[in-house]
């Protein structure tokens, strides 16, 4: 529906179109929320964690021993949550020169 065509006569049609669009948006949001809750609620094993973060299993075991990677242990088996692993990766972000320069600029102007 073209928004330029809205008039009093086709107002019911425009409202119906908006209701349909809102329903589609709500469905999309619900699907994202379900996906996010599944990512947190379903633990994955070391094989999946290895594929997710792109590291070999021995490397992951080393990170676990050093307590550098979020994990859970039940018995002799390790478990991970995708959301936590992705957050762990994002915390290791290296700042760009532009970001560093921006922080220096803000710091210098704040301390004048």
C-alpha atoms as a PDB file:
ATOM      1  CA  UNK A   1       0.000   0.000   0.000  1.00  0.00           C
ATOM      2  CA  UNK A   2       1.303   3.413  -0.929  1.00  0.00           C
ATOM      3  CA  UNK A   3       1.146   5.811   2.025  1.00  0.00           C
ATOM      4  CA  UNK A   4       0.549   8.713  -0.352  1.00  0.00           C
ATOM      5  CA  UNK A   5      -2.854   7.222  -1.236  1.00  0.00           C
ATOM      6  CA  UNK A   6      -4.341   7.453   2.251  1.00  0.00           C
ATOM      7  CA  UNK A   7      -7.636   9.269   2.253  1.00  0.00           C
ATOM      8  CA  UNK A   8     -10.806   9.114   4.288  1.00  0.00           C
ATOM      9  CA  UNK A   9     -12.317   6.624   1.839  1.00  0.00           C
ATOM     10  CA  UNK A  10      -9.478   4.131   2.043  1.00  0.00           C
ATOM     11  CA  UNK A  11      -8.760   4.654   5.758  1.00  0.00           C
ATOM     12  CA  UNK A  12     -10.148   1.217   6.737  1.00  0.00           C
ATOM     13  CA  UNK A  13      -7.850  -0.384   4.153  1.00  0.00           C
ATOM     14  CA  UNK A  14      -4.861   1.580   5.492  1.00  0.00           C
ATOM     15  CA  UNK A  15      -5.652   0.583   9.095  1.00  0.00           C
ATOM     16  CA  UNK A  16      -5.970  -3.074   8.071  1.00  0.00           C
ATOM     17  CA  UNK A  17      -2.592  -2.820   6.358  1.00  0.00           C
ATOM     18  CA  UNK A  18      -1.008  -1.330   9.493  1.00  0.00           C
ATOM     19  CA  UNK A  19      -2.549  -4.035  11.693  1.00  0.00           C
ATOM     20  CA  UNK A  20      -1.088  -6.688   9.398  1.00  0.00           C
ATOM     21  CA  UNK A  21       2.351  -5.032   9.477  1.00  0.00           C
ATOM     22  CA  UNK A  22       2.287  -4.788  13.291  1.00  0.00           C
ATOM     23  CA  UNK A  23       1.348  -8.458  13.571  1.00  0.00           C
ATOM     24  CA  UNK A  24       4.298  -9.397  11.357  1.00  0.00           C
ATOM     25  CA  UNK A  25       6.668  -7.262  13.456  1.00  0.00           C
ATOM     26  CA  UNK A  26       5.391  -8.830  16.679  1.00  0.00           C
ATOM     27  CA  UNK A  27       5.958 -12.301  15.224  1.00  0.00           C
ATOM     28  CA  UNK A  28       9.509 -11.387  14.235  1.00  0.00           C
ATOM     29  CA  UNK A  29      10.240 -10.072  17.749  1.00  0.00           C
ATOM     30  CA  UNK A  30       8.816 -13.222  19.342  1.00  0.00           C
ATOM     31  CA  UNK A  31      10.986 -15.400  17.086  1.00  0.00           C
ATOM     32  CA  UNK A  32      14.105 -13.454  18.085  1.00  0.00           C
ATOM     33  CA  UNK A  33      13.224 -13.748  21.771  1.00  0.00           C
ATOM     34  CA  UNK A  34      12.667 -17.507  21.461  1.00  0.00           C
ATOM     35  CA  UNK A  35      15.994 -17.887  19.652  1.00  0.00           C
ATOM     36  CA  UNK A  36      17.822 -15.852  22.320  1.00  0.00           C
ATOM     37  CA  UNK A  37      16.273 -17.830  25.178  1.00  0.00           C
ATOM     38  CA  UNK A  38      17.178 -21.129  23.481  1.00  0.00           C
ATOM     39  CA  UNK A  39      20.759 -19.956  22.996  1.00  0.00           C
ATOM     40  CA  UNK A  40      21.017 -19.366  26.751  1.00  0.00           C
ATOM     41  CA  UNK A  41      18.975 -22.310  27.965  1.00  0.00           C
ATOM     42  CA  UNK A  42      20.489 -25.083  25.841  1.00  0.00           C
ATOM     43  CA  UNK A  43      24.038 -25.906  26.869  1.00  0.00           C
ATOM     44  CA  UNK A  44      26.460 -27.020  24.192  1.00  0.00           C
ATOM     45  CA  UNK A  45      29.393 -29.382  24.421  1.00  0.00           C
ATOM     46  CA  UNK A  46      33.025 -28.764  23.659  1.00  0.00           C
ATOM     47  CA  UNK A  47      32.666 -29.815  19.994  1.00  0.00           C
ATOM     48  CA  UNK A  48      30.029 -27.141  19.328  1.00  0.00           C
ATOM     49  CA  UNK A  49      31.921 -24.585  21.414  1.00  0.00           C
ATOM     50  CA  UNK A  50      35.038 -25.319  19.370  1.00  0.00           C
ATOM     51  CA  UNK A  51      33.166 -24.672  16.107  1.00  0.00           C
ATOM     52  CA  UNK A  52      31.452 -21.576  17.492  1.00  0.00           C
ATOM     53  CA  UNK A  53      34.588 -19.756  18.604  1.00  0.00           C
ATOM     54  CA  UNK A  54      36.959 -21.260  16.042  1.00  0.00           C
ATOM     55  CA  UNK A  55      39.439 -22.755  18.490  1.00  0.00           C
ATOM     56  CA  UNK A  56      40.742 -26.303  18.792  1.00  0.00           C
ATOM     57  CA  UNK A  57      39.552 -28.471  21.673  1.00  0.00           C
ATOM     58  CA  UNK A  58      42.986 -28.512  23.385  1.00  0.00           C
ATOM     59  CA  UNK A  59      42.996 -24.701  23.290  1.00  0.00           C
ATOM     60  CA  UNK A  60      39.567 -24.623  24.914  1.00  0.00           C
ATOM     61  CA  UNK A  61      40.689 -27.046  27.619  1.00  0.00           C
ATOM     62  CA  UNK A  62      43.640 -24.742  28.303  1.00  0.00           C
ATOM     63  CA  UNK A  63      41.356 -21.706  28.546  1.00  0.00           C
ATOM     64  CA  UNK A  64      39.114 -23.638  30.942  1.00  0.00           C
ATOM     65  CA  UNK A  65      42.099 -24.572  33.148  1.00  0.00           C
ATOM     66  CA  UNK A  66      43.181 -20.919  33.204  1.00  0.00           C
ATOM     67  CA  UNK A  67      39.596 -19.882  33.988  1.00  0.00           C
ATOM     68  CA  UNK A  68      39.568 -17.519  31.005  1.00  0.00           C
ATOM     69  CA  UNK A  69      36.460 -18.861  29.270  1.00  0.00           C
ATOM     70  CA  UNK A  70      32.936 -19.158  30.719  1.00  0.00           C
ATOM     71  CA  UNK A  71      32.040 -22.813  31.212  1.00  0.00           C
ATOM     72  CA  UNK A  72      30.230 -25.258  33.462  1.00  0.00           C
ATOM     73  CA  UNK A  73      31.328 -28.681  34.586  1.00  0.00           C
ATOM     74  CA  UNK A  74      29.039 -31.502  35.575  1.00  0.00           C
ATOM     75  CA  UNK A  75      30.882 -34.680  36.400  1.00  0.00           C
ATOM     76  CA  UNK A  76      33.668 -34.996  33.876  1.00  0.00           C
ATOM     77  CA  UNK A  77      31.869 -33.137  31.114  1.00  0.00           C
ATOM     78  CA  UNK A  78      32.187 -29.461  30.158  1.00  0.00           C
ATOM     79  CA  UNK A  79      29.226 -27.367  29.059  1.00  0.00           C
ATOM     80  CA  UNK A  80      29.003 -23.914  27.528  1.00  0.00           C
ATOM     81  CA  UNK A  81      26.270 -21.458  26.617  1.00  0.00           C
ATOM     82  CA  UNK A  82      26.436 -19.841  23.176  1.00  0.00           C
ATOM     83  CA  UNK A  83      25.410 -16.426  24.501  1.00  0.00           C
ATOM     84  CA  UNK A  84      28.178 -16.433  27.092  1.00  0.00           C
ATOM     85  CA  UNK A  85      30.808 -17.526  24.564  1.00  0.00           C
ATOM     86  CA  UNK A  86      29.782 -14.799  22.113  1.00  0.00           C
ATOM     87  CA  UNK A  87      29.866 -12.219  24.915  1.00  0.00           C
ATOM     88  CA  UNK A  88      33.310 -13.511  25.944  1.00  0.00           C
ATOM     89  CA  UNK A  89      34.538 -13.020  22.374  1.00  0.00           C
ATOM     90  CA  UNK A  90      33.107  -9.502  22.175  1.00  0.00           C
ATOM     91  CA  UNK A  91      34.929  -8.477  25.380  1.00  0.00           C
ATOM     92  CA  UNK A  92      38.233  -9.146  23.629  1.00  0.00           C
ATOM     93  CA  UNK A  93      37.599  -6.479  20.991  1.00  0.00           C
ATOM     94  CA  UNK A  94      40.654  -4.439  20.053  1.00  0.00           C
ATOM     95  CA  UNK A  95      39.930  -0.722  19.744  1.00  0.00           C
ATOM     96  CA  UNK A  96      40.566   1.012  16.453  1.00  0.00           C
ATOM     97  CA  UNK A  97      42.918   3.985  16.256  1.00  0.00           C
ATOM     98  CA  UNK A  98      39.871   6.205  15.705  1.00  0.00           C
ATOM     99  CA  UNK A  99      38.260   4.920  18.929  1.00  0.00           C
ATOM    100  CA  UNK A 100      41.478   5.458  20.889  1.00  0.00           C
ATOM    101  CA  UNK A 101      41.922   8.978  19.493  1.00  0.00           C
ATOM    102  CA  UNK A 102      38.314   9.779  20.337  1.00  0.00           C
ATOM    103  CA  UNK A 103      38.806   8.628  23.939  1.00  0.00           C
ATOM    104  CA  UNK A 104      41.999  10.683  24.262  1.00  0.00           C
ATOM    105  CA  UNK A 105      40.186  13.733  22.855  1.00  0.00           C
ATOM    106  CA  UNK A 106      37.302  13.307  25.336  1.00  0.00           C
ATOM    107  CA  UNK A 107      39.716  12.736  28.232  1.00  0.00           C
ATOM    108  CA  UNK A 108      41.765  15.835  27.376  1.00  0.00           C
ATOM    109  CA  UNK A 109      38.680  18.054  27.089  1.00  0.00           C
ATOM    110  CA  UNK A 110      37.210  16.670  30.295  1.00  0.00           C
ATOM    111  CA  UNK A 111      40.356  17.411  32.324  1.00  0.00           C
ATOM    112  CA  UNK A 112      40.850  21.019  31.229  1.00  0.00           C
END
